[in-house]
């Protein structure tokens, strides 16, 4: 399964979660529900994965955490905010670079329409 196939399935699961729960809940609720949906669809899911970084010869465990990693290929960053801002996109791109992953989805569940609240970010894909 390619990153594009996974991206399509993640978006479908996100729409289902948003339809059932609606906007206004905590990020952790959406993260748990989305992970559950993806597991039911047969994906290998890891949540809250720590990511370290290197600064020269120093390995730094500085608290970066991926919300959801799907099939070890795609990162999902879950938000529940009034609106996404530039730093949210930069955060996901940083996670992609640090983890050597090629695809990430930034999803803001705190919106009346999810179709305009999913951003696909590629890292050398």
PDB file of N, CA and C in Angstrom:
ATOM      1  N   UNK A   1       0.852  -1.173   0.000  1.00  0.00           N
ATOM      2  CA  UNK A   1       0.000   0.000   0.000  1.00  0.00           C
ATOM      3  C   UNK A   1       0.904   1.245   0.000  1.00  0.00           C
ATOM      4  N   UNK A   2       0.620   2.178  -0.869  1.00  0.00           N
ATOM      5  CA  UNK A   2       1.435   3.383  -0.992  1.00  0.00           C
ATOM      6  C   UNK A   2       0.968   4.467  -0.030  1.00  0.00           C
ATOM      7  N   UNK A   3       1.784   5.498   0.093  1.00  0.00           N
ATOM      8  CA  UNK A   3       1.411   6.644   0.924  1.00  0.00           C
ATOM      9  C   UNK A   3       0.101   7.265   0.444  1.00  0.00           C
ATOM     10  N   UNK A   4      -0.096   7.311  -0.877  1.00  0.00           N
ATOM     11  CA  UNK A   4      -1.325   7.894  -1.414  1.00  0.00           C
ATOM     12  C   UNK A   4      -2.554   7.073  -1.032  1.00  0.00           C
ATOM     13  N   UNK A   5      -2.428   5.749  -1.067  1.00  0.00           N
ATOM     14  CA  UNK A   5      -3.536   4.876  -0.647  1.00  0.00           C
ATOM     15  C   UNK A   5      -3.855   5.097   0.832  1.00  0.00           C
ATOM     16  N   UNK A   6      -2.811   5.189   1.629  1.00  0.00           N
ATOM     17  CA  UNK A   6      -2.989   5.406   3.057  1.00  0.00           C
ATOM     18  C   UNK A   6      -3.634   6.761   3.314  1.00  0.00           C
ATOM     19  N   UNK A   7      -3.193   7.783   2.584  1.00  0.00           N
ATOM     20  CA  UNK A   7      -3.753   9.128   2.726  1.00  0.00           C
ATOM     21  C   UNK A   7      -5.261   9.128   2.459  1.00  0.00           C
ATOM     22  N   UNK A   8      -5.659   8.430   1.418  1.00  0.00           N
ATOM     23  CA  UNK A   8      -7.081   8.341   1.076  1.00  0.00           C
ATOM     24  C   UNK A   8      -7.874   7.692   2.209  1.00  0.00           C
ATOM     25  N   UNK A   9      -7.347   6.608   2.759  1.00  0.00           N
ATOM     26  CA  UNK A   9      -8.031   5.906   3.845  1.00  0.00           C
ATOM     27  C   UNK A   9      -8.090   6.756   5.115  1.00  0.00           C
ATOM     28  N   UNK A  10      -7.017   7.487   5.401  1.00  0.00           N
ATOM     29  CA  UNK A  10      -6.999   8.357   6.585  1.00  0.00           C
ATOM     30  C   UNK A  10      -8.067   9.438   6.454  1.00  0.00           C
ATOM     31  N   UNK A  11      -8.150  10.040   5.287  1.00  0.00           N
ATOM     32  CA  UNK A  11      -9.160  11.083   5.073  1.00  0.00           C
ATOM     33  C   UNK A  11     -10.568  10.524   5.249  1.00  0.00           C
ATOM     34  N   UNK A  12     -10.809   9.340   4.717  1.00  0.00           N
ATOM     35  CA  UNK A  12     -12.120   8.715   4.876  1.00  0.00           C
ATOM     36  C   UNK A  12     -12.454   8.451   6.332  1.00  0.00           C
ATOM     37  N   UNK A  13     -11.477   7.942   7.088  1.00  0.00           N
ATOM     38  CA  UNK A  13     -11.685   7.686   8.509  1.00  0.00           C
ATOM     39  C   UNK A  13     -11.907   8.989   9.271  1.00  0.00           C
ATOM     40  N   UNK A  14     -11.175  10.030   8.897  1.00  0.00           N
ATOM     41  CA  UNK A  14     -11.334  11.334   9.554  1.00  0.00           C
ATOM     42  C   UNK A  14     -12.732  11.899   9.320  1.00  0.00           C
ATOM     43  N   UNK A  15     -13.237  11.768   8.102  1.00  0.00           N
ATOM     44  CA  UNK A  15     -14.603  12.239   7.817  1.00  0.00           C
ATOM     45  C   UNK A  15     -15.625  11.477   8.652  1.00  0.00           C
ATOM     46  N   UNK A  16     -15.421  10.181   8.810  1.00  0.00           N
ATOM     47  CA  UNK A  16     -16.343   9.382   9.621  1.00  0.00           C
ATOM     48  C   UNK A  16     -16.321   9.849  11.074  1.00  0.00           C
ATOM     49  N   UNK A  17     -15.124  10.035  11.626  1.00  0.00           N
ATOM     50  CA  UNK A  17     -14.994  10.496  13.010  1.00  0.00           C
ATOM     51  C   UNK A  17     -15.664  11.857  13.178  1.00  0.00           C
ATOM     52  N   UNK A  18     -15.427  12.757  12.244  1.00  0.00           N
ATOM     53  CA  UNK A  18     -15.995  14.107  12.348  1.00  0.00           C
ATOM     54  C   UNK A  18     -17.518  14.080  12.231  1.00  0.00           C
ATOM     55  N   UNK A  19     -18.030  13.212  11.380  1.00  0.00           N
ATOM     56  CA  UNK A  19     -19.485  13.088  11.232  1.00  0.00           C
ATOM     57  C   UNK A  19     -20.116  12.607  12.531  1.00  0.00           C
ATOM     58  N   UNK A  20     -19.480  11.652  13.181  1.00  0.00           N
ATOM     59  CA  UNK A  20     -20.023  11.086  14.415  1.00  0.00           C
ATOM     60  C   UNK A  20     -19.856  12.049  15.595  1.00  0.00           C
ATOM     61  N   UNK A  21     -18.669  12.638  15.751  1.00  0.00           N
ATOM     62  CA  UNK A  21     -18.369  13.435  16.941  1.00  0.00           C
ATOM     63  C   UNK A  21     -18.624  14.930  16.780  1.00  0.00           C
ATOM     64  N   UNK A  22     -18.504  15.435  15.563  1.00  0.00           N
ATOM     65  CA  UNK A  22     -18.645  16.872  15.347  1.00  0.00           C
ATOM     66  C   UNK A  22     -17.451  17.631  15.903  1.00  0.00           C
ATOM     67  N   UNK A  23     -17.468  18.951  15.767  1.00  0.00           N
ATOM     68  CA  UNK A  23     -16.361  19.777  16.270  1.00  0.00           C
ATOM     69  C   UNK A  23     -16.507  20.062  17.762  1.00  0.00           C
ATOM     70  N   UNK A  24     -15.415  20.575  18.359  1.00  0.00           N
ATOM     71  CA  UNK A  24     -15.492  21.103  19.719  1.00  0.00           C
ATOM     72  C   UNK A  24     -14.946  20.239  20.826  1.00  0.00           C
ATOM     73  N   UNK A  25     -14.385  19.071  20.495  1.00  0.00           N
ATOM     74  CA  UNK A  25     -13.847  18.199  21.530  1.00  0.00           C
ATOM     75  C   UNK A  25     -12.328  18.354  21.617  1.00  0.00           C
ATOM     76  N   UNK A  26     -11.730  17.707  22.584  1.00  0.00           N
ATOM     77  CA  UNK A  26     -10.281  17.752  22.751  1.00  0.00           C
ATOM     78  C   UNK A  26      -9.577  16.943  21.663  1.00  0.00           C
ATOM     79  N   UNK A  27      -8.347  17.338  21.352  1.00  0.00           N
ATOM     80  CA  UNK A  27      -7.558  16.619  20.356  1.00  0.00           C
ATOM     81  C   UNK A  27      -7.425  15.144  20.704  1.00  0.00           C
ATOM     82  N   UNK A  28      -7.240  14.839  21.977  1.00  0.00           N
ATOM     83  CA  UNK A  28      -7.042  13.452  22.393  1.00  0.00           C
ATOM     84  C   UNK A  28      -8.250  12.576  22.046  1.00  0.00           C
ATOM     85  N   UNK A  29      -9.444  13.143  22.084  1.00  0.00           N
ATOM     86  CA  UNK A  29     -10.652  12.384  21.731  1.00  0.00           C
ATOM     87  C   UNK A  29     -10.617  12.025  20.253  1.00  0.00           C
ATOM     88  N   UNK A  30     -10.312  13.012  19.409  1.00  0.00           N
ATOM     89  CA  UNK A  30     -10.258  12.761  17.965  1.00  0.00           C
ATOM     90  C   UNK A  30      -9.121  11.797  17.615  1.00  0.00           C
ATOM     91  N   UNK A  31      -7.997  11.949  18.282  1.00  0.00           N
ATOM     92  CA  UNK A  31      -6.852  11.056  18.029  1.00  0.00           C
ATOM     93  C   UNK A  31      -7.225   9.612  18.334  1.00  0.00           C
ATOM     94  N   UNK A  32      -7.856   9.387  19.471  1.00  0.00           N
ATOM     95  CA  UNK A  32      -8.247   8.034  19.869  1.00  0.00           C
ATOM     96  C   UNK A  32      -9.285   7.461  18.909  1.00  0.00           C
ATOM     97  N   UNK A  33     -10.268   8.262  18.549  1.00  0.00           N
ATOM     98  CA  UNK A  33     -11.315   7.798  17.637  1.00  0.00           C
ATOM     99  C   UNK A  33     -10.751   7.501  16.243  1.00  0.00           C
ATOM    100  N   UNK A  34      -9.875   8.378  15.744  1.00  0.00           N
ATOM    101  CA  UNK A  34      -9.287   8.171  14.421  1.00  0.00           C
ATOM    102  C   UNK A  34      -8.396   6.923  14.424  1.00  0.00           C
ATOM    103  N   UNK A  35      -7.592   6.756  15.450  1.00  0.00           N
ATOM    104  CA  UNK A  35      -6.752   5.557  15.554  1.00  0.00           C
ATOM    105  C   UNK A  35      -7.618   4.302  15.569  1.00  0.00           C
ATOM    106  N   UNK A  36      -8.720   4.344  16.295  1.00  0.00           N
ATOM    107  CA  UNK A  36      -9.633   3.205  16.365  1.00  0.00           C
ATOM    108  C   UNK A  36     -10.206   2.876  14.986  1.00  0.00           C
ATOM    109  N   UNK A  37     -10.644   3.886  14.267  1.00  0.00           N
ATOM    110  CA  UNK A  37     -11.183   3.677  12.913  1.00  0.00           C
ATOM    111  C   UNK A  37     -10.140   3.041  11.998  1.00  0.00           C
ATOM    112  N   UNK A  38      -8.919   3.539  12.074  1.00  0.00           N
ATOM    113  CA  UNK A  38      -7.860   3.021  11.197  1.00  0.00           C
ATOM    114  C   UNK A  38      -7.479   1.590  11.561  1.00  0.00           C
ATOM    115  N   UNK A  39      -7.492   1.276  12.845  1.00  0.00           N
ATOM    116  CA  UNK A  39      -7.234  -0.105  13.270  1.00  0.00           C
ATOM    117  C   UNK A  39      -8.324  -1.027  12.738  1.00  0.00           C
ATOM    118  N   UNK A  40      -9.584  -0.579  12.814  1.00  0.00           N
ATOM    119  CA  UNK A  40     -10.697  -1.383  12.296  1.00  0.00           C
ATOM    120  C   UNK A  40     -10.565  -1.630  10.803  1.00  0.00           C
ATOM    121  N   UNK A  41      -9.907  -0.706  10.102  1.00  0.00           N
ATOM    122  CA  UNK A  41      -9.700  -0.864   8.661  1.00  0.00           C
ATOM    123  C   UNK A  41      -8.450  -1.696   8.346  1.00  0.00           C
ATOM    124  N   UNK A  42      -7.765  -2.165   9.389  1.00  0.00           N
ATOM    125  CA  UNK A  42      -6.646  -3.067   9.186  1.00  0.00           C
ATOM    126  C   UNK A  42      -5.269  -2.417   9.136  1.00  0.00           C
ATOM    127  N   UNK A  43      -5.182  -1.149   9.501  1.00  0.00           N
ATOM    128  CA  UNK A  43      -3.890  -0.469   9.483  1.00  0.00           C
ATOM    129  C   UNK A  43      -3.119  -0.724  10.778  1.00  0.00           C
ATOM    130  N   UNK A  44      -1.807  -0.684  10.669  1.00  0.00           N
ATOM    131  CA  UNK A  44      -0.927  -0.759  11.822  1.00  0.00           C
ATOM    132  C   UNK A  44      -0.750   0.663  12.350  1.00  0.00           C
ATOM    133  N   UNK A  45      -1.181   0.895  13.567  1.00  0.00           N
ATOM    134  CA  UNK A  45      -1.204   2.242  14.141  1.00  0.00           C
ATOM    135  C   UNK A  45      -0.303   2.312  15.365  1.00  0.00           C
ATOM    136  N   UNK A  46       0.454   3.407  15.441  1.00  0.00           N
ATOM    137  CA  UNK A  46       1.190   3.734  16.656  1.00  0.00           C
ATOM    138  C   UNK A  46       0.815   5.165  17.013  1.00  0.00           C
ATOM    139  N   UNK A  47       0.610   5.424  18.294  1.00  0.00           N
ATOM    140  CA  UNK A  47       0.243   6.772  18.721  1.00  0.00           C
ATOM    141  C   UNK A  47       1.265   7.331  19.690  1.00  0.00           C
ATOM    142  N   UNK A  48       1.368   8.640  19.672  1.00  0.00           N
ATOM    143  CA  UNK A  48       2.258   9.387  20.572  1.00  0.00           C
ATOM    144  C   UNK A  48       3.681   8.825  20.549  1.00  0.00           C
ATOM    145  N   UNK A  49       4.223   8.720  19.349  1.00  0.00           N
ATOM    146  CA  UNK A  49       5.570   8.195  19.135  1.00  0.00           C
ATOM    147  C   UNK A  49       6.590   9.316  19.351  1.00  0.00           C
ATOM    148  N   UNK A  50       7.540   9.099  20.234  1.00  0.00           N
ATOM    149  CA  UNK A  50       8.589  10.076  20.475  1.00  0.00           C
ATOM    150  C   UNK A  50       9.571  10.126  19.312  1.00  0.00           C
ATOM    151  N   UNK A  51      10.010  11.336  18.973  1.00  0.00           N
ATOM    152  CA  UNK A  51      10.982  11.532  17.901  1.00  0.00           C
ATOM    153  C   UNK A  51      12.130  12.365  18.453  1.00  0.00           C
ATOM    154  N   UNK A  52      13.333  11.842  18.314  1.00  0.00           N
ATOM    155  CA  UNK A  52      14.501  12.596  18.766  1.00  0.00           C
ATOM    156  C   UNK A  52      15.131  13.296  17.565  1.00  0.00           C
ATOM    157  N   UNK A  53      16.077  14.163  17.857  1.00  0.00           N
ATOM    158  CA  UNK A  53      16.793  14.848  16.786  1.00  0.00           C
ATOM    159  C   UNK A  53      18.273  14.891  17.128  1.00  0.00           C
ATOM    160  N   UNK A  54      19.069  15.081  16.103  1.00  0.00           N
ATOM    161  CA  UNK A  54      20.515  15.180  16.290  1.00  0.00           C
ATOM    162  C   UNK A  54      20.946  16.629  16.117  1.00  0.00           C
ATOM    163  N   UNK A  55      21.814  17.047  16.995  1.00  0.00           N
ATOM    164  CA  UNK A  55      22.474  18.346  16.874  1.00  0.00           C
ATOM    165  C   UNK A  55      23.955  18.059  16.936  1.00  0.00           C
ATOM    166  N   UNK A  56      24.574  17.995  15.757  1.00  0.00           N
ATOM    167  CA  UNK A  56      25.958  17.541  15.699  1.00  0.00           C
ATOM    168  C   UNK A  56      26.022  16.092  16.130  1.00  0.00           C
ATOM    169  N   UNK A  57      26.803  15.814  17.154  1.00  0.00           N
ATOM    170  CA  UNK A  57      26.930  14.456  17.688  1.00  0.00           C
ATOM    171  C   UNK A  57      26.013  14.195  18.876  1.00  0.00           C
ATOM    172  N   UNK A  58      25.168  15.151  19.188  1.00  0.00           N
ATOM    173  CA  UNK A  58      24.326  15.046  20.372  1.00  0.00           C
ATOM    174  C   UNK A  58      22.919  14.615  19.974  1.00  0.00           C
ATOM    175  N   UNK A  59      22.476  13.490  20.538  1.00  0.00           N
ATOM    176  CA  UNK A  59      21.091  13.057  20.336  1.00  0.00           C
ATOM    177  C   UNK A  59      20.228  13.765  21.373  1.00  0.00           C
ATOM    178  N   UNK A  60      19.204  14.434  20.885  1.00  0.00           N
ATOM    179  CA  UNK A  60      18.340  15.219  21.770  1.00  0.00           C
ATOM    180  C   UNK A  60      16.931  14.635  21.772  1.00  0.00           C
ATOM    181  N   UNK A  61      16.490  14.229  22.937  1.00  0.00           N
ATOM    182  CA  UNK A  61      15.106  13.815  23.124  1.00  0.00           C
ATOM    183  C   UNK A  61      14.388  15.020  23.714  1.00  0.00           C
ATOM    184  N   UNK A  62      13.795  15.812  22.829  1.00  0.00           N
ATOM    185  CA  UNK A  62      13.276  17.108  23.249  1.00  0.00           C
ATOM    186  C   UNK A  62      11.756  17.176  23.306  1.00  0.00           C
ATOM    187  N   UNK A  63      11.111  16.044  23.274  1.00  0.00           N
ATOM    188  CA  UNK A  63       9.670  16.056  23.485  1.00  0.00           C
ATOM    189  C   UNK A  63       8.815  16.100  22.235  1.00  0.00           C
ATOM    190  N   UNK A  64       9.411  15.887  21.048  1.00  0.00           N
ATOM    191  CA  UNK A  64       8.586  15.805  19.843  1.00  0.00           C
ATOM    192  C   UNK A  64       7.798  14.507  19.885  1.00  0.00           C
ATOM    193  N   UNK A  65       6.492  14.582  19.588  1.00  0.00           N
ATOM    194  CA  UNK A  65       5.645  13.394  19.611  1.00  0.00           C
ATOM    195  C   UNK A  65       4.731  13.398  18.394  1.00  0.00           C
ATOM    196  N   UNK A  66       4.782  12.308  17.639  1.00  0.00           N
ATOM    197  CA  UNK A  66       3.867  12.135  16.514  1.00  0.00           C
ATOM    198  C   UNK A  66       2.521  11.682  17.074  1.00  0.00           C
ATOM    199  N   UNK A  67       1.436  12.304  16.633  1.00  0.00           N
ATOM    200  CA  UNK A  67       0.121  11.884  17.130  1.00  0.00           C
ATOM    201  C   UNK A  67      -0.200  10.459  16.686  1.00  0.00           C
ATOM    202  N   UNK A  68      -0.174  10.229  15.364  1.00  0.00           N
ATOM    203  CA  UNK A  68      -0.488   8.899  14.839  1.00  0.00           C
ATOM    204  C   UNK A  68       0.482   8.589  13.700  1.00  0.00           C
ATOM    205  N   UNK A  69       1.049   7.389  13.729  1.00  0.00           N
ATOM    206  CA  UNK A  69       1.874   6.899  12.629  1.00  0.00           C
ATOM    207  C   UNK A  69       1.134   5.708  12.029  1.00  0.00           C
ATOM    208  N   UNK A  70       0.861   5.781  10.734  1.00  0.00           N
ATOM    209  CA  UNK A  70       0.062   4.767  10.053  1.00  0.00           C
ATOM    210  C   UNK A  70       0.962   3.924   9.148  1.00  0.00           C
ATOM    211  N   UNK A  71       0.965   2.619   9.400  1.00  0.00           N
ATOM    212  CA  UNK A  71       1.760   1.658   8.618  1.00  0.00           C
ATOM    213  C   UNK A  71       3.217   2.070   8.479  1.00  0.00           C
ATOM    214  N   UNK A  72       3.724   2.787   9.444  1.00  0.00           N
ATOM    215  CA  UNK A  72       5.108   3.272   9.449  1.00  0.00           C
ATOM    216  C   UNK A  72       5.437   4.114   8.214  1.00  0.00           C
ATOM    217  N   UNK A  73       4.404   4.689   7.585  1.00  0.00           N
ATOM    218  CA  UNK A  73       4.607   5.474   6.366  1.00  0.00           C
ATOM    219  C   UNK A  73       4.060   6.895   6.445  1.00  0.00           C
ATOM    220  N   UNK A  74       2.958   7.086   7.111  1.00  0.00           N
ATOM    221  CA  UNK A  74       2.297   8.396   7.109  1.00  0.00           C
ATOM    222  C   UNK A  74       2.059   8.879   8.538  1.00  0.00           C
ATOM    223  N   UNK A  75       2.306  10.171   8.726  1.00  0.00           N
ATOM    224  CA  UNK A  75       2.088  10.805  10.025  1.00  0.00           C
ATOM    225  C   UNK A  75       0.782  11.579   9.977  1.00  0.00           C
ATOM    226  N   UNK A  76      -0.015  11.441  11.025  1.00  0.00           N
ATOM    227  CA  UNK A  76      -1.227  12.237  11.160  1.00  0.00           C
ATOM    228  C   UNK A  76      -1.062  13.129  12.379  1.00  0.00           C
ATOM    229  N   UNK A  77      -1.164  14.417  12.166  1.00  0.00           N
ATOM    230  CA  UNK A  77      -1.115  15.390  13.256  1.00  0.00           C
ATOM    231  C   UNK A  77      -2.540  15.886  13.470  1.00  0.00           C
ATOM    232  N   UNK A  78      -3.090  15.614  14.641  1.00  0.00           N
ATOM    233  CA  UNK A  78      -4.471  15.937  14.970  1.00  0.00           C
ATOM    234  C   UNK A  78      -4.522  17.265  15.722  1.00  0.00           C
ATOM    235  N   UNK A  79      -5.397  18.142  15.271  1.00  0.00           N
ATOM    236  CA  UNK A  79      -5.609  19.422  15.937  1.00  0.00           C
ATOM    237  C   UNK A  79      -7.096  19.612  16.203  1.00  0.00           C
ATOM    238  N   UNK A  80      -7.385  20.418  17.219  1.00  0.00           N
ATOM    239  CA  UNK A  80      -8.746  20.863  17.486  1.00  0.00           C
ATOM    240  C   UNK A  80      -8.640  22.316  17.932  1.00  0.00           C
ATOM    241  N   UNK A  81      -8.427  23.176  16.948  1.00  0.00           N
ATOM    242  CA  UNK A  81      -8.176  24.594  17.189  1.00  0.00           C
ATOM    243  C   UNK A  81      -9.117  25.444  16.355  1.00  0.00           C
ATOM    244  N   UNK A  82      -9.222  26.715  16.729  1.00  0.00           N
ATOM    245  CA  UNK A  82     -10.094  27.644  15.990  1.00  0.00           C
ATOM    246  C   UNK A  82      -9.721  27.672  14.506  1.00  0.00           C
ATOM    247  N   UNK A  83      -8.426  27.784  14.220  1.00  0.00           N
ATOM    248  CA  UNK A  83      -7.950  27.719  12.836  1.00  0.00           C
ATOM    249  C   UNK A  83      -6.483  27.299  12.836  1.00  0.00           C
ATOM    250  N   UNK A  84      -6.108  26.625  11.769  1.00  0.00           N
ATOM    251  CA  UNK A  84      -4.717  26.224  11.628  1.00  0.00           C
ATOM    252  C   UNK A  84      -3.880  27.448  11.284  1.00  0.00           C
ATOM    253  N   UNK A  85      -2.683  27.504  11.845  1.00  0.00           N
ATOM    254  CA  UNK A  85      -1.771  28.598  11.533  1.00  0.00           C
ATOM    255  C   UNK A  85      -0.473  28.005  10.988  1.00  0.00           C
ATOM    256  N   UNK A  86       0.381  28.870  10.500  1.00  0.00           N
ATOM    257  CA  UNK A  86       1.595  28.445   9.812  1.00  0.00           C
ATOM    258  C   UNK A  86       2.446  27.495  10.658  1.00  0.00           C
ATOM    259  N   UNK A  87       2.519  27.735  11.945  1.00  0.00           N
ATOM    260  CA  UNK A  87       3.368  26.894  12.798  1.00  0.00           C
ATOM    261  C   UNK A  87       2.889  25.442  12.831  1.00  0.00           C
ATOM    262  N   UNK A  88       1.601  25.189  12.675  1.00  0.00           N
ATOM    263  CA  UNK A  88       1.090  23.818  12.638  1.00  0.00           C
ATOM    264  C   UNK A  88       1.645  23.071  11.425  1.00  0.00           C
ATOM    265  N   UNK A  89       1.679  23.748  10.276  1.00  0.00           N
ATOM    266  CA  UNK A  89       2.223  23.144   9.060  1.00  0.00           C
ATOM    267  C   UNK A  89       3.726  22.893   9.206  1.00  0.00           C
ATOM    268  N   UNK A  90       4.422  23.858   9.782  1.00  0.00           N
ATOM    269  CA  UNK A  90       5.866  23.710   9.992  1.00  0.00           C
ATOM    270  C   UNK A  90       6.176  22.578  10.959  1.00  0.00           C
ATOM    271  N   UNK A  91       5.344  22.427  11.982  1.00  0.00           N
ATOM    272  CA  UNK A  91       5.525  21.350  12.956  1.00  0.00           C
ATOM    273  C   UNK A  91       5.461  19.995  12.261  1.00  0.00           C
ATOM    274  N   UNK A  92       4.459  19.786  11.432  1.00  0.00           N
ATOM    275  CA  UNK A  92       4.320  18.512  10.742  1.00  0.00           C
ATOM    276  C   UNK A  92       5.477  18.286   9.774  1.00  0.00           C
ATOM    277  N   UNK A  93       5.895  19.312   9.057  1.00  0.00           N
ATOM    278  CA  UNK A  93       7.026  19.166   8.151  1.00  0.00           C
ATOM    279  C   UNK A  93       8.292  18.801   8.922  1.00  0.00           C
ATOM    280  N   UNK A  94       8.484  19.395  10.083  1.00  0.00           N
ATOM    281  CA  UNK A  94       9.630  19.048  10.931  1.00  0.00           C
ATOM    282  C   UNK A  94       9.553  17.583  11.350  1.00  0.00           C
ATOM    283  N   UNK A  95       8.376  17.119  11.766  1.00  0.00           N
ATOM    284  CA  UNK A  95       8.208  15.714  12.144  1.00  0.00           C
ATOM    285  C   UNK A  95       8.542  14.786  10.976  1.00  0.00           C
ATOM    286  N   UNK A  96       8.103  15.162   9.776  1.00  0.00           N
ATOM    287  CA  UNK A  96       8.397  14.352   8.597  1.00  0.00           C
ATOM    288  C   UNK A  96       9.906  14.258   8.367  1.00  0.00           C
ATOM    289  N   UNK A  97      10.576  15.388   8.456  1.00  0.00           N
ATOM    290  CA  UNK A  97      12.024  15.403   8.234  1.00  0.00           C
ATOM    291  C   UNK A  97      12.766  14.617   9.302  1.00  0.00           C
ATOM    292  N   UNK A  98      12.418  14.821  10.575  1.00  0.00           N
ATOM    293  CA  UNK A  98      13.114  14.138  11.663  1.00  0.00           C
ATOM    294  C   UNK A  98      12.904  12.624  11.642  1.00  0.00           C
ATOM    295  N   UNK A  99      11.745  12.200  11.177  1.00  0.00           N
ATOM    296  CA  UNK A  99      11.436  10.768  11.168  1.00  0.00           C
ATOM    297  C   UNK A  99      11.685  10.109   9.812  1.00  0.00           C
ATOM    298  N   UNK A 100      12.143  10.884   8.853  1.00  0.00           N
ATOM    299  CA  UNK A 100      12.394  10.389   7.487  1.00  0.00           C
ATOM    300  C   UNK A 100      11.147   9.782   6.850  1.00  0.00           C
ATOM    301  N   UNK A 101      10.003  10.375   7.123  1.00  0.00           N
ATOM    302  CA  UNK A 101       8.753   9.954   6.481  1.00  0.00           C
ATOM    303  C   UNK A 101       8.450  10.908   5.337  1.00  0.00           C
ATOM    304  N   UNK A 102       7.657  10.441   4.390  1.00  0.00           N
ATOM    305  CA  UNK A 102       7.399  11.237   3.196  1.00  0.00           C
ATOM    306  C   UNK A 102       6.051  11.940   3.186  1.00  0.00           C
ATOM    307  N   UNK A 103       5.100  11.471   3.994  1.00  0.00           N
ATOM    308  CA  UNK A 103       3.757  12.038   3.902  1.00  0.00           C
ATOM    309  C   UNK A 103       3.159  12.278   5.277  1.00  0.00           C
ATOM    310  N   UNK A 104       2.525  13.422   5.420  1.00  0.00           N
ATOM    311  CA  UNK A 104       1.814  13.743   6.643  1.00  0.00           C
ATOM    312  C   UNK A 104       0.487  14.391   6.341  1.00  0.00           C
ATOM    313  N   UNK A 105      -0.465  14.183   7.228  1.00  0.00           N
ATOM    314  CA  UNK A 105      -1.766  14.838   7.132  1.00  0.00           C
ATOM    315  C   UNK A 105      -2.001  15.631   8.401  1.00  0.00           C
ATOM    316  N   UNK A 106      -2.344  16.889   8.225  1.00  0.00           N
ATOM    317  CA  UNK A 106      -2.681  17.789   9.322  1.00  0.00           C
ATOM    318  C   UNK A 106      -4.197  17.944   9.291  1.00  0.00           C
ATOM    319  N   UNK A 107      -4.850  17.524  10.362  1.00  0.00           N
ATOM    320  CA  UNK A 107      -6.318  17.516  10.384  1.00  0.00           C
ATOM    321  C   UNK A 107      -6.804  18.330  11.566  1.00  0.00           C
ATOM    322  N   UNK A 108      -7.614  19.359  11.279  1.00  0.00           N
ATOM    323  CA  UNK A 108      -8.235  20.170  12.324  1.00  0.00           C
ATOM    324  C   UNK A 108      -9.699  19.766  12.458  1.00  0.00           C
ATOM    325  N   UNK A 109     -10.008  19.048  13.524  1.00  0.00           N
ATOM    326  CA  UNK A 109     -11.371  18.556  13.734  1.00  0.00           C
ATOM    327  C   UNK A 109     -12.316  19.624  14.275  1.00  0.00           C
ATOM    328  N   UNK A 110     -11.798  20.758  14.692  1.00  0.00           N
ATOM    329  CA  UNK A 110     -12.653  21.808  15.253  1.00  0.00           C
ATOM    330  C   UNK A 110     -13.128  22.752  14.146  1.00  0.00           C
ATOM    331  N   UNK A 111     -13.823  22.193  13.190  1.00  0.00           N
ATOM    332  CA  UNK A 111     -14.375  22.982  12.095  1.00  0.00           C
ATOM    333  C   UNK A 111     -15.732  22.419  11.724  1.00  0.00           C
ATOM    334  N   UNK A 112     -16.563  23.284  11.165  1.00  0.00           N
ATOM    335  CA  UNK A 112     -17.893  22.813  10.790  1.00  0.00           C
ATOM    336  C   UNK A 112     -17.823  21.911   9.561  1.00  0.00           C
ATOM    337  N   UNK A 113     -16.830  22.123   8.704  1.00  0.00           N
ATOM    338  CA  UNK A 113     -16.648  21.301   7.511  1.00  0.00           C
ATOM    339  C   UNK A 113     -15.215  20.794   7.465  1.00  0.00           C
ATOM    340  N   UNK A 114     -15.045  19.510   7.505  1.00  0.00           N
ATOM    341  CA  UNK A 114     -13.707  18.935   7.538  1.00  0.00           C
ATOM    342  C   UNK A 114     -13.011  19.007   6.183  1.00  0.00           C
ATOM    343  N   UNK A 115     -13.763  19.145   5.101  1.00  0.00           N
ATOM    344  CA  UNK A 115     -13.149  19.099   3.769  1.00  0.00           C
ATOM    345  C   UNK A 115     -12.096  20.177   3.553  1.00  0.00           C
ATOM    346  N   UNK A 116     -12.233  21.315   4.212  1.00  0.00           N
ATOM    347  CA  UNK A 116     -11.252  22.391   4.085  1.00  0.00           C
ATOM    348  C   UNK A 116     -10.281  22.415   5.267  1.00  0.00           C
ATOM    349  N   UNK A 117     -10.310  21.391   6.091  1.00  0.00           N
ATOM    350  CA  UNK A 117      -9.495  21.371   7.315  1.00  0.00           C
ATOM    351  C   UNK A 117      -8.503  20.214   7.346  1.00  0.00           C
ATOM    352  N   UNK A 118      -8.246  19.629   6.167  1.00  0.00           N
ATOM    353  CA  UNK A 118      -7.234  18.583   6.050  1.00  0.00           C
ATOM    354  C   UNK A 118      -6.158  19.073   5.092  1.00  0.00           C
ATOM    355  N   UNK A 119      -4.927  19.083   5.554  1.00  0.00           N
ATOM    356  CA  UNK A 119      -3.806  19.502   4.719  1.00  0.00           C
ATOM    357  C   UNK A 119      -2.849  18.336   4.556  1.00  0.00           C
ATOM    358  N   UNK A 120      -2.493  18.081   3.330  1.00  0.00           N
ATOM    359  CA  UNK A 120      -1.537  17.016   2.993  1.00  0.00           C
ATOM    360  C   UNK A 120      -0.175  17.661   2.799  1.00  0.00           C
ATOM    361  N   UNK A 121       0.826  17.183   3.535  1.00  0.00           N
ATOM    362  CA  UNK A 121       2.173  17.748   3.443  1.00  0.00           C
ATOM    363  C   UNK A 121       3.128  16.627   3.045  1.00  0.00           C
ATOM    364  N   UNK A 122       3.884  16.874   1.974  1.00  0.00           N
ATOM    365  CA  UNK A 122       4.825  15.878   1.476  1.00  0.00           C
ATOM    366  C   UNK A 122       6.253  16.298   1.758  1.00  0.00           C
ATOM    367  N   UNK A 123       7.089  15.313   2.009  1.00  0.00           N
ATOM    368  CA  UNK A 123       8.513  15.512   2.247  1.00  0.00           C
ATOM    369  C   UNK A 123       9.269  14.616   1.262  1.00  0.00           C
ATOM    370  N   UNK A 124       9.599  15.179   0.102  1.00  0.00           N
ATOM    371  CA  UNK A 124      10.309  14.424  -0.950  1.00  0.00           C
ATOM    372  C   UNK A 124       9.535  13.206  -1.440  1.00  0.00           C
ATOM    373  N   UNK A 125       8.228  13.350  -1.558  1.00  0.00           N
ATOM    374  CA  UNK A 125       7.385  12.255  -2.024  1.00  0.00           C
ATOM    375  C   UNK A 125       7.294  12.298  -3.541  1.00  0.00           C
TER     376      UNK A 125
END
